[in-house]
PDB file of N, CA and C in Angstrom:
ATOM      1  N   MET A   1     105.246  75.758 100.447  1.00  0.00           N
ATOM      2  CA  MET A   1     104.920  77.158 100.981  1.00  0.00           C
ATOM      3  C   MET A   1     103.706  77.927 100.728  1.00  0.00           C
ATOM      4  N   SER A   2     102.935  78.503 101.149  1.00  0.00           N
ATOM      5  CA  SER A   2     102.084  79.661 100.445  1.00  0.00           C
ATOM      6  C   SER A   2     102.666  80.844 100.567  1.00  0.00           C
ATOM      7  N   LYS A   3     102.323  81.686  99.434  1.00  0.00           N
ATOM      8  CA  LYS A   3     102.512  83.067  99.790  1.00  0.00           C
ATOM      9  C   LYS A   3     101.937  83.915 100.537  1.00  0.00           C
ATOM     10  N   VAL A   4     102.161  84.737 101.121  1.00  0.00           N
ATOM     11  CA  VAL A   4     101.585  85.768 102.008  1.00  0.00           C
ATOM     12  C   VAL A   4     101.293  87.101 101.339  1.00  0.00           C
ATOM     13  N   GLN A   5     100.026  87.267 101.187  1.00  0.00           N
ATOM     14  CA  GLN A   5      99.378  88.273 100.416  1.00  0.00           C
ATOM     15  C   GLN A   5      99.927  89.507 101.351  1.00  0.00           C
ATOM     16  N   LYS A   6     100.296  90.681 100.551  1.00  0.00           N
ATOM     17  CA  LYS A   6     100.724  91.936 101.193  1.00  0.00           C
ATOM     18  C   LYS A   6      99.441  92.702 101.165  1.00  0.00           C
ATOM     19  N   GLN A   7      98.796  93.264 102.080  1.00  0.00           N
ATOM     20  CA  GLN A   7      97.636  93.894 102.160  1.00  0.00           C
ATOM     21  C   GLN A   7      98.115  95.473 101.692  1.00  0.00           C
ATOM     22  N   PRO A   8      97.058  96.388 100.804  1.00  0.00           N
ATOM     23  CA  PRO A   8      97.538  97.566 100.473  1.00  0.00           C
ATOM     24  C   PRO A   8      97.469  98.714 101.523  1.00  0.00           C
ATOM     25  N   MET A   9      98.167  99.630 101.762  1.00  0.00           N
ATOM     26  CA  MET A   9      97.847 100.728 102.734  1.00  0.00           C
ATOM     27  C   MET A   9      97.898 101.884 102.009  1.00  0.00           C
ATOM     28  N   ARG A  10      96.622 102.612 102.875  1.00  0.00           N
ATOM     29  CA  ARG A  10      96.221 103.632 102.371  1.00  0.00           C
ATOM     30  C   ARG A  10      96.233 104.963 103.364  1.00  0.00           C
ATOM     31  N   MET A  11      96.421 106.143 103.500  1.00  0.00           N
ATOM     32  CA  MET A  11      96.259 106.885 104.563  1.00  0.00           C
ATOM     33  C   MET A  11      94.903 107.509 104.824  1.00  0.00           C
ATOM     34  N   CYS A  12      94.627 107.619 106.099  1.00  0.00           N
ATOM     35  CA  CYS A  12      93.517 108.178 106.500  1.00  0.00           C
ATOM     36  C   CYS A  12      93.413 109.681 106.399  1.00  0.00           C
ATOM     37  N   LEU A  13      92.394 110.278 105.981  1.00  0.00           N
ATOM     38  CA  LEU A  13      92.199 111.911 105.777  1.00  0.00           C
ATOM     39  C   LEU A  13      92.306 112.573 106.941  1.00  0.00           C
ATOM     40  N   GLY A  14      91.427 111.749 107.931  1.00  0.00           N
ATOM     41  CA  GLY A  14      91.458 112.513 109.404  1.00  0.00           C
ATOM     42  C   GLY A  14      92.983 112.748 110.135  1.00  0.00           C
ATOM     43  N   CYS A  15      93.351 111.325 110.434  1.00  0.00           N
ATOM     44  CA  CYS A  15      94.763 111.292 111.153  1.00  0.00           C
ATOM     45  C   CYS A  15      95.883 111.053 110.475  1.00  0.00           C
ATOM     46  N   ARG A  16      95.892 111.016 109.226  1.00  0.00           N
ATOM     47  CA  ARG A  16      97.020 111.024 108.064  1.00  0.00           C
ATOM     48  C   ARG A  16      98.064 109.791 108.502  1.00  0.00           C
ATOM     49  N   GLU A  17      97.541 108.745 109.277  1.00  0.00           N
ATOM     50  CA  GLU A  17      97.963 107.502 109.309  1.00  0.00           C
ATOM     51  C   GLU A  17      97.804 106.602 108.196  1.00  0.00           C
ATOM     52  N   MET A  18      98.841 105.782 107.969  1.00  0.00           N
ATOM     53  CA  MET A  18      98.778 104.600 106.931  1.00  0.00           C
ATOM     54  C   MET A  18      98.365 103.669 107.629  1.00  0.00           C
ATOM     55  N   LYS A  19      97.207 102.787 107.056  1.00  0.00           N
ATOM     56  CA  LYS A  19      96.221 101.587 107.604  1.00  0.00           C
ATOM     57  C   LYS A  19      96.252 100.759 106.335  1.00  0.00           C
ATOM     58  N   GLN A  20      95.487  99.684 106.816  1.00  0.00           N
ATOM     59  CA  GLN A  20      95.484  98.738 105.853  1.00  0.00           C
ATOM     60  C   GLN A  20      93.967  98.926 105.149  1.00  0.00           C
ATOM     61  N   LYS A  21      94.120  99.018 103.939  1.00  0.00           N
ATOM     62  CA  LYS A  21      92.983  99.509 102.911  1.00  0.00           C
ATOM     63  C   LYS A  21      91.681  99.084 103.537  1.00  0.00           C
ATOM     64  N   THR A  22      91.650  97.467 103.988  1.00  0.00           N
ATOM     65  CA  THR A  22      90.048  97.181 104.469  1.00  0.00           C
ATOM     66  C   THR A  22      89.876  97.450 105.876  1.00  0.00           C
ATOM     67  N   ASP A  23      90.771  98.344 106.363  1.00  0.00           N
ATOM     68  CA  ASP A  23      90.355  98.924 107.831  1.00  0.00           C
ATOM     69  C   ASP A  23      89.528  99.981 107.877  1.00  0.00           C
ATOM     70  N   LEU A  24      89.306 100.687 106.295  1.00  0.00           N
ATOM     71  CA  LEU A  24      89.114 102.072 106.419  1.00  0.00           C
ATOM     72  C   LEU A  24      87.750 102.323 105.482  1.00  0.00           C
ATOM     73  N   ILE A  25      87.255 103.282 105.409  1.00  0.00           N
ATOM     74  CA  ILE A  25      86.038 103.470 104.472  1.00  0.00           C
ATOM     75  C   ILE A  25      86.351 104.464 103.534  1.00  0.00           C
ATOM     76  N   ARG A  26      85.848 103.686 102.385  1.00  0.00           N
ATOM     77  CA  ARG A  26      86.284 104.467 101.262  1.00  0.00           C
ATOM     78  C   ARG A  26      84.985 105.045 100.143  1.00  0.00           C
ATOM     79  N   VAL A  27      85.643 106.576  99.852  1.00  0.00           N
ATOM     80  CA  VAL A  27      84.425 107.446  99.565  1.00  0.00           C
ATOM     81  C   VAL A  27      84.806 107.658  98.125  1.00  0.00           C
ATOM     82  N   LEU A  28      84.145 107.512  97.093  1.00  0.00           N
ATOM     83  CA  LEU A  28      84.418 107.725  95.638  1.00  0.00           C
ATOM     84  C   LEU A  28      83.648 108.776  95.385  1.00  0.00           C
ATOM     85  N   ARG A  29      84.382 109.180  94.154  1.00  0.00           N
ATOM     86  CA  ARG A  29      83.968 110.267  93.124  1.00  0.00           C
ATOM     87  C   ARG A  29      83.895 109.408  91.816  1.00  0.00           C
ATOM     88  N   SER A  30      83.222 109.003  90.981  1.00  0.00           N
ATOM     89  CA  SER A  30      83.010 108.463  89.987  1.00  0.00           C
ATOM     90  C   SER A  30      83.319 109.264  89.085  1.00  0.00           C
ATOM     91  N   PRO A  31      83.601 108.830  87.662  1.00  0.00           N
ATOM     92  CA  PRO A  31      83.923 109.582  86.543  1.00  0.00           C
ATOM     93  C   PRO A  31      82.851 110.247  85.751  1.00  0.00           C
ATOM     94  N   GLU A  32      81.983 110.139  86.369  1.00  0.00           N
ATOM     95  CA  GLU A  32      80.735 110.855  86.063  1.00  0.00           C
ATOM     96  C   GLU A  32      80.260 112.335  87.094  1.00  0.00           C
ATOM     97  N   GLY A  33      80.972 112.145  87.967  1.00  0.00           N
ATOM     98  CA  GLY A  33      81.146 113.092  89.038  1.00  0.00           C
ATOM     99  C   GLY A  33      79.934 112.665  90.613  1.00  0.00           C
ATOM    100  N   ASN A  34      79.299 111.625  90.214  1.00  0.00           N
ATOM    101  CA  ASN A  34      78.548 111.223  91.471  1.00  0.00           C
ATOM    102  C   ASN A  34      79.813 110.874  92.424  1.00  0.00           C
ATOM    103  N   VAL A  35      79.168 111.172  93.924  1.00  0.00           N
ATOM    104  CA  VAL A  35      79.985 110.555  95.252  1.00  0.00           C
ATOM    105  C   VAL A  35      79.055 109.619  95.951  1.00  0.00           C
ATOM    106  N   THR A  36      79.992 108.255  95.967  1.00  0.00           N
ATOM    107  CA  THR A  36      79.030 107.530  96.787  1.00  0.00           C
ATOM    108  C   THR A  36      80.073 106.742  97.788  1.00  0.00           C
ATOM    109  N   VAL A  37      79.453 106.236  98.803  1.00  0.00           N
ATOM    110  CA  VAL A  37      80.674 105.422  99.611  1.00  0.00           C
ATOM    111  C   VAL A  37      80.518 103.903  98.917  1.00  0.00           C
ATOM    112  N   ASP A  38      81.736 103.565  98.844  1.00  0.00           N
ATOM    113  CA  ASP A  38      82.361 102.202  98.092  1.00  0.00           C
ATOM    114  C   ASP A  38      82.687 101.102  99.232  1.00  0.00           C
ATOM    115  N   LEU A  39      81.593 100.328  99.224  1.00  0.00           N
ATOM    116  CA  LEU A  39      81.780  99.053  99.945  1.00  0.00           C
ATOM    117  C   LEU A  39      82.615  97.939  99.803  1.00  0.00           C
ATOM    118  N   THR A  40      82.582  97.916  98.226  1.00  0.00           N
ATOM    119  CA  THR A  40      83.594  96.818  97.701  1.00  0.00           C
ATOM    120  C   THR A  40      84.921  97.384  97.549  1.00  0.00           C
ATOM    121  N   PHE A  41      85.435  98.430  97.418  1.00  0.00           N
ATOM    122  CA  PHE A  41      86.699  99.121  97.121  1.00  0.00           C
ATOM    123  C   PHE A  41      87.168  98.188  95.848  1.00  0.00           C
ATOM    124  N   LYS A  42      86.021  98.216  94.688  1.00  0.00           N
ATOM    125  CA  LYS A  42      86.656  98.105  93.606  1.00  0.00           C
ATOM    126  C   LYS A  42      86.135  99.015  92.584  1.00  0.00           C
ATOM    127  N   GLN A  43      85.081  99.948  92.820  1.00  0.00           N
ATOM    128  CA  GLN A  43      84.530 100.793  91.916  1.00  0.00           C
ATOM    129  C   GLN A  43      85.531 101.599  91.408  1.00  0.00           C
ATOM    130  N   SER A  44      85.470 102.077  90.270  1.00  0.00           N
ATOM    131  CA  SER A  44      86.614 102.999  89.651  1.00  0.00           C
ATOM    132  C   SER A  44      86.148 104.279  89.718  1.00  0.00           C
ATOM    133  N   GLY A  45      86.907 105.343  89.999  1.00  0.00           N
ATOM    134  CA  GLY A  45      86.806 106.612  90.465  1.00  0.00           C
ATOM    135  C   GLY A  45      88.035 107.060  91.167  1.00  0.00           C
ATOM    136  N   ARG A  46      87.793 108.371  91.558  1.00  0.00           N
ATOM    137  CA  ARG A  46      88.743 108.596  92.786  1.00  0.00           C
ATOM    138  C   ARG A  46      88.188 108.599  94.112  1.00  0.00           C
ATOM    139  N   GLY A  47      89.300 108.124  95.117  1.00  0.00           N
ATOM    140  CA  GLY A  47      89.006 107.171  96.154  1.00  0.00           C
ATOM    141  C   GLY A  47      89.392 108.080  97.260  1.00  0.00           C
ATOM    142  N   ALA A  48      88.696 108.167  98.443  1.00  0.00           N
ATOM    143  CA  ALA A  48      89.335 108.669  99.854  1.00  0.00           C
ATOM    144  C   ALA A  48      89.136 107.785 100.893  1.00  0.00           C
ATOM    145  N   TYR A  49      89.960 107.697 101.825  1.00  0.00           N
ATOM    146  CA  TYR A  49      89.826 106.929 102.881  1.00  0.00           C
ATOM    147  C   TYR A  49      89.671 107.854 104.322  1.00  0.00           C
ATOM    148  N   ILE A  50      88.708 107.206 105.206  1.00  0.00           N
ATOM    149  CA  ILE A  50      88.640 107.637 106.561  1.00  0.00           C
ATOM    150  C   ILE A  50      89.011 106.489 107.484  1.00  0.00           C
ATOM    151  N   CYS A  51      89.328 106.453 108.628  1.00  0.00           N
ATOM    152  CA  CYS A  51      89.048 105.203 109.415  1.00  0.00           C
ATOM    153  C   CYS A  51      87.857 105.236 110.256  1.00  0.00           C
ATOM    154  N   ASN A  52      87.980 104.343 110.993  1.00  0.00           N
ATOM    155  CA  ASN A  52      86.637 104.265 111.839  1.00  0.00           C
ATOM    156  C   ASN A  52      86.511 105.024 113.420  1.00  0.00           C
ATOM    157  N   ASN A  53      87.775 105.830 113.426  1.00  0.00           N
ATOM    158  CA  ASN A  53      87.618 106.693 114.560  1.00  0.00           C
ATOM    159  C   ASN A  53      86.776 107.721 114.561  1.00  0.00           C
ATOM    160  N   PRO A  54      86.155 107.644 115.464  1.00  0.00           N
ATOM    161  CA  PRO A  54      85.278 109.331 115.400  1.00  0.00           C
ATOM    162  C   PRO A  54      85.830 110.375 115.465  1.00  0.00           C
ATOM    163  N   GLU A  55      86.938 110.959 116.154  1.00  0.00           N
ATOM    164  CA  GLU A  55      87.774 112.007 115.764  1.00  0.00           C
ATOM    165  C   GLU A  55      88.167 112.179 114.600  1.00  0.00           C
ATOM    166  N   CYS A  56      88.671 111.313 113.754  1.00  0.00           N
ATOM    167  CA  CYS A  56      89.084 111.471 112.258  1.00  0.00           C
ATOM    168  C   CYS A  56      87.658 111.836 111.621  1.00  0.00           C
ATOM    169  N   PHE A  57      86.363 111.185 111.668  1.00  0.00           N
ATOM    170  CA  PHE A  57      85.361 111.651 111.036  1.00  0.00           C
ATOM    171  C   PHE A  57      85.086 113.079 111.300  1.00  0.00           C
ATOM    172  N   GLN A  58      84.660 113.559 112.603  1.00  0.00           N
ATOM    173  CA  GLN A  58      85.095 114.850 112.940  1.00  0.00           C
ATOM    174  C   GLN A  58      85.753 115.850 112.230  1.00  0.00           C
ATOM    175  N   ARG A  59      87.074 115.729 112.212  1.00  0.00           N
ATOM    176  CA  ARG A  59      88.079 116.247 111.827  1.00  0.00           C
ATOM    177  C   ARG A  59      87.819 116.454 110.260  1.00  0.00           C
ATOM    178  N   VAL A  60      87.671 115.316 109.432  1.00  0.00           N
ATOM    179  CA  VAL A  60      87.369 115.406 107.967  1.00  0.00           C
ATOM    180  C   VAL A  60      86.363 116.384 107.730  1.00  0.00           C
ATOM    181  N   LYS A  61      85.320 116.275 108.837  1.00  0.00           N
ATOM    182  CA  LYS A  61      83.991 117.009 108.298  1.00  0.00           C
ATOM    183  C   LYS A  61      84.203 118.320 108.514  1.00  0.00           C
ATOM    184  N   LYS A  62      84.967 118.803 109.427  1.00  0.00           N
ATOM    185  CA  LYS A  62      85.124 120.284 109.934  1.00  0.00           C
ATOM    186  C   LYS A  62      85.901 120.755 108.878  1.00  0.00           C
ATOM    187  N   SER A  63      87.160 120.013 108.555  1.00  0.00           N
ATOM    188  CA  SER A  63      88.088 120.956 107.516  1.00  0.00           C
ATOM    189  C   SER A  63      87.672 120.678 106.265  1.00  0.00           C
ATOM    190  N   ARG A  64      86.733 119.761 105.821  1.00  0.00           N
ATOM    191  CA  ARG A  64      86.407 119.940 104.211  1.00  0.00           C
ATOM    192  C   ARG A  64      87.457 119.247 103.806  1.00  0.00           C
ATOM    193  N   ALA A  65      88.047 118.324 104.285  1.00  0.00           N
ATOM    194  CA  ALA A  65      89.147 117.540 103.758  1.00  0.00           C
ATOM    195  C   ALA A  65      88.933 116.332 102.526  1.00  0.00           C
ATOM    196  N   LEU A  66      87.532 116.031 102.590  1.00  0.00           N
ATOM    197  CA  LEU A  66      87.127 115.298 101.915  1.00  0.00           C
ATOM    198  C   LEU A  66      86.689 115.677 100.593  1.00  0.00           C
ATOM    199  N   SER A  67      85.926 116.973 100.857  1.00  0.00           N
ATOM    200  CA  SER A  67      85.922 117.859  99.395  1.00  0.00           C
ATOM    201  C   SER A  67      87.051 118.421  98.392  1.00  0.00           C
ATOM    202  N   ARG A  68      88.197 118.856  99.252  1.00  0.00           N
ATOM    203  CA  ARG A  68      89.156 118.910  98.726  1.00  0.00           C
ATOM    204  C   ARG A  68      89.737 117.731  98.071  1.00  0.00           C
ATOM    205  N   SER A  69      89.922 116.226  98.779  1.00  0.00           N
ATOM    206  CA  SER A  69      90.497 115.322  98.279  1.00  0.00           C
ATOM    207  C   SER A  69      89.807 115.267  96.979  1.00  0.00           C
ATOM    208  N   LEU A  70      88.565 114.854  96.793  1.00  0.00           N
ATOM    209  CA  LEU A  70      87.980 114.375  95.882  1.00  0.00           C
ATOM    210  C   LEU A  70      87.622 115.471  94.640  1.00  0.00           C
ATOM    211  N   GLY A  71      87.742 116.565  94.863  1.00  0.00           N
ATOM    212  CA  GLY A  71      87.466 117.990  94.020  1.00  0.00           C
ATOM    213  C   GLY A  71      85.880 118.303  94.115  1.00  0.00           C
ATOM    214  N   THR A  72      85.288 117.766  94.555  1.00  0.00           N
ATOM    215  CA  THR A  72      83.596 117.871  94.400  1.00  0.00           C
ATOM    216  C   THR A  72      83.134 118.510  95.919  1.00  0.00           C
ATOM    217  N   GLU A  73      81.845 119.021  96.069  1.00  0.00           N
ATOM    218  CA  GLU A  73      80.959 119.280  97.083  1.00  0.00           C
ATOM    219  C   GLU A  73      80.595 117.938  97.824  1.00  0.00           C
ATOM    220  N   ILE A  74      80.649 117.243  98.739  1.00  0.00           N
ATOM    221  CA  ILE A  74      80.306 116.268  99.524  1.00  0.00           C
ATOM    222  C   ILE A  74      78.893 116.492 100.151  1.00  0.00           C
ATOM    223  N   PRO A  75      77.771 115.774  99.461  1.00  0.00           N
ATOM    224  CA  PRO A  75      76.356 115.752  99.925  1.00  0.00           C
ATOM    225  C   PRO A  75      76.230 115.326 101.540  1.00  0.00           C
ATOM    226  N   GLU A  76      75.320 116.276 102.124  1.00  0.00           N
ATOM    227  CA  GLU A  76      75.095 115.333 103.531  1.00  0.00           C
ATOM    228  C   GLU A  76      74.946 114.250 103.925  1.00  0.00           C
ATOM    229  N   ASP A  77      74.384 113.768 102.800  1.00  0.00           N
ATOM    230  CA  ASP A  77      73.790 111.952 103.221  1.00  0.00           C
ATOM    231  C   ASP A  77      75.150 111.265 102.922  1.00  0.00           C
ATOM    232  N   ILE A  78      75.946 111.721 102.336  1.00  0.00           N
ATOM    233  CA  ILE A  78      77.090 110.974 102.346  1.00  0.00           C
ATOM    234  C   ILE A  78      77.823 111.154 103.762  1.00  0.00           C
ATOM    235  N   TYR A  79      77.793 111.890 104.410  1.00  0.00           N
ATOM    236  CA  TYR A  79      78.303 112.201 105.864  1.00  0.00           C
ATOM    237  C   TYR A  79      77.797 111.249 106.587  1.00  0.00           C
ATOM    238  N   GLU A  80      76.270 111.117 106.282  1.00  0.00           N
ATOM    239  CA  GLU A  80      75.572 110.411 107.197  1.00  0.00           C
ATOM    240  C   GLU A  80      75.507 108.629 106.974  1.00  0.00           C
ATOM    241  N   LYS A  81      75.823 108.464 105.776  1.00  0.00           N
ATOM    242  CA  LYS A  81      76.209 106.963 105.202  1.00  0.00           C
ATOM    243  C   LYS A  81      77.662 106.515 105.975  1.00  0.00           C
ATOM    244  N   ILE A  82      78.681 107.646 105.942  1.00  0.00           N
ATOM    245  CA  ILE A  82      79.593 107.408 106.625  1.00  0.00           C
ATOM    246  C   ILE A  82      79.735 107.216 107.921  1.00  0.00           C
ATOM    247  N   GLN A  83      79.013 107.892 108.772  1.00  0.00           N
ATOM    248  CA  GLN A  83      78.658 107.791 110.335  1.00  0.00           C
ATOM    249  C   GLN A  83      77.901 106.236 110.231  1.00  0.00           C
ATOM    250  N   ASN A  84      76.907 106.256 109.651  1.00  0.00           N
ATOM    251  CA  ASN A  84      76.171 104.859 109.786  1.00  0.00           C
ATOM    252  C   ASN A  84      77.452 103.833 109.771  1.00  0.00           C
ATOM    253  N   ARG A  85      78.020 103.880 108.696  1.00  0.00           N
ATOM    254  CA  ARG A  85      79.080 102.680 108.431  1.00  0.00           C
ATOM    255  C   ARG A  85      80.178 102.459 109.435  1.00  0.00           C
ATOM    256  N   ARG A  86      80.313 103.471 110.240  1.00  0.00           N
ATOM    257  CA  ARG A  86      81.298 103.313 111.254  1.00  0.00           C
ATOM    258  C   ARG A  86      80.890 102.731 112.670  1.00  0.00           C
ATOM    259  N   ASN A  87      79.679 102.934 112.869  1.00  0.00           N
ATOM    260  CA  ASN A  87      78.576 102.184 113.882  1.00  0.00           C
ATOM    261  C   ASN A  87      78.206 100.755 113.733  1.00  0.00           C
TER     262      ASN A  87
END
């Protein structure tokens, strides 16, 4: 018998629902303070997750939930990368 691996769950900042980590987009603040979109899910730093739902993206952008979660200002190009990643 092979073991079934359990998928880690994370909460989307927009809809506040728990989803599988691989179904979400991870935005990362590195220890140096740089904000990036982490496509590998393995970079070190503080991460925040957003699902691919357009309503969630708009809610996160309008409420500045990403800035609060990461504790830093989010550059506009990061929002553009997230939007491009969703499509």
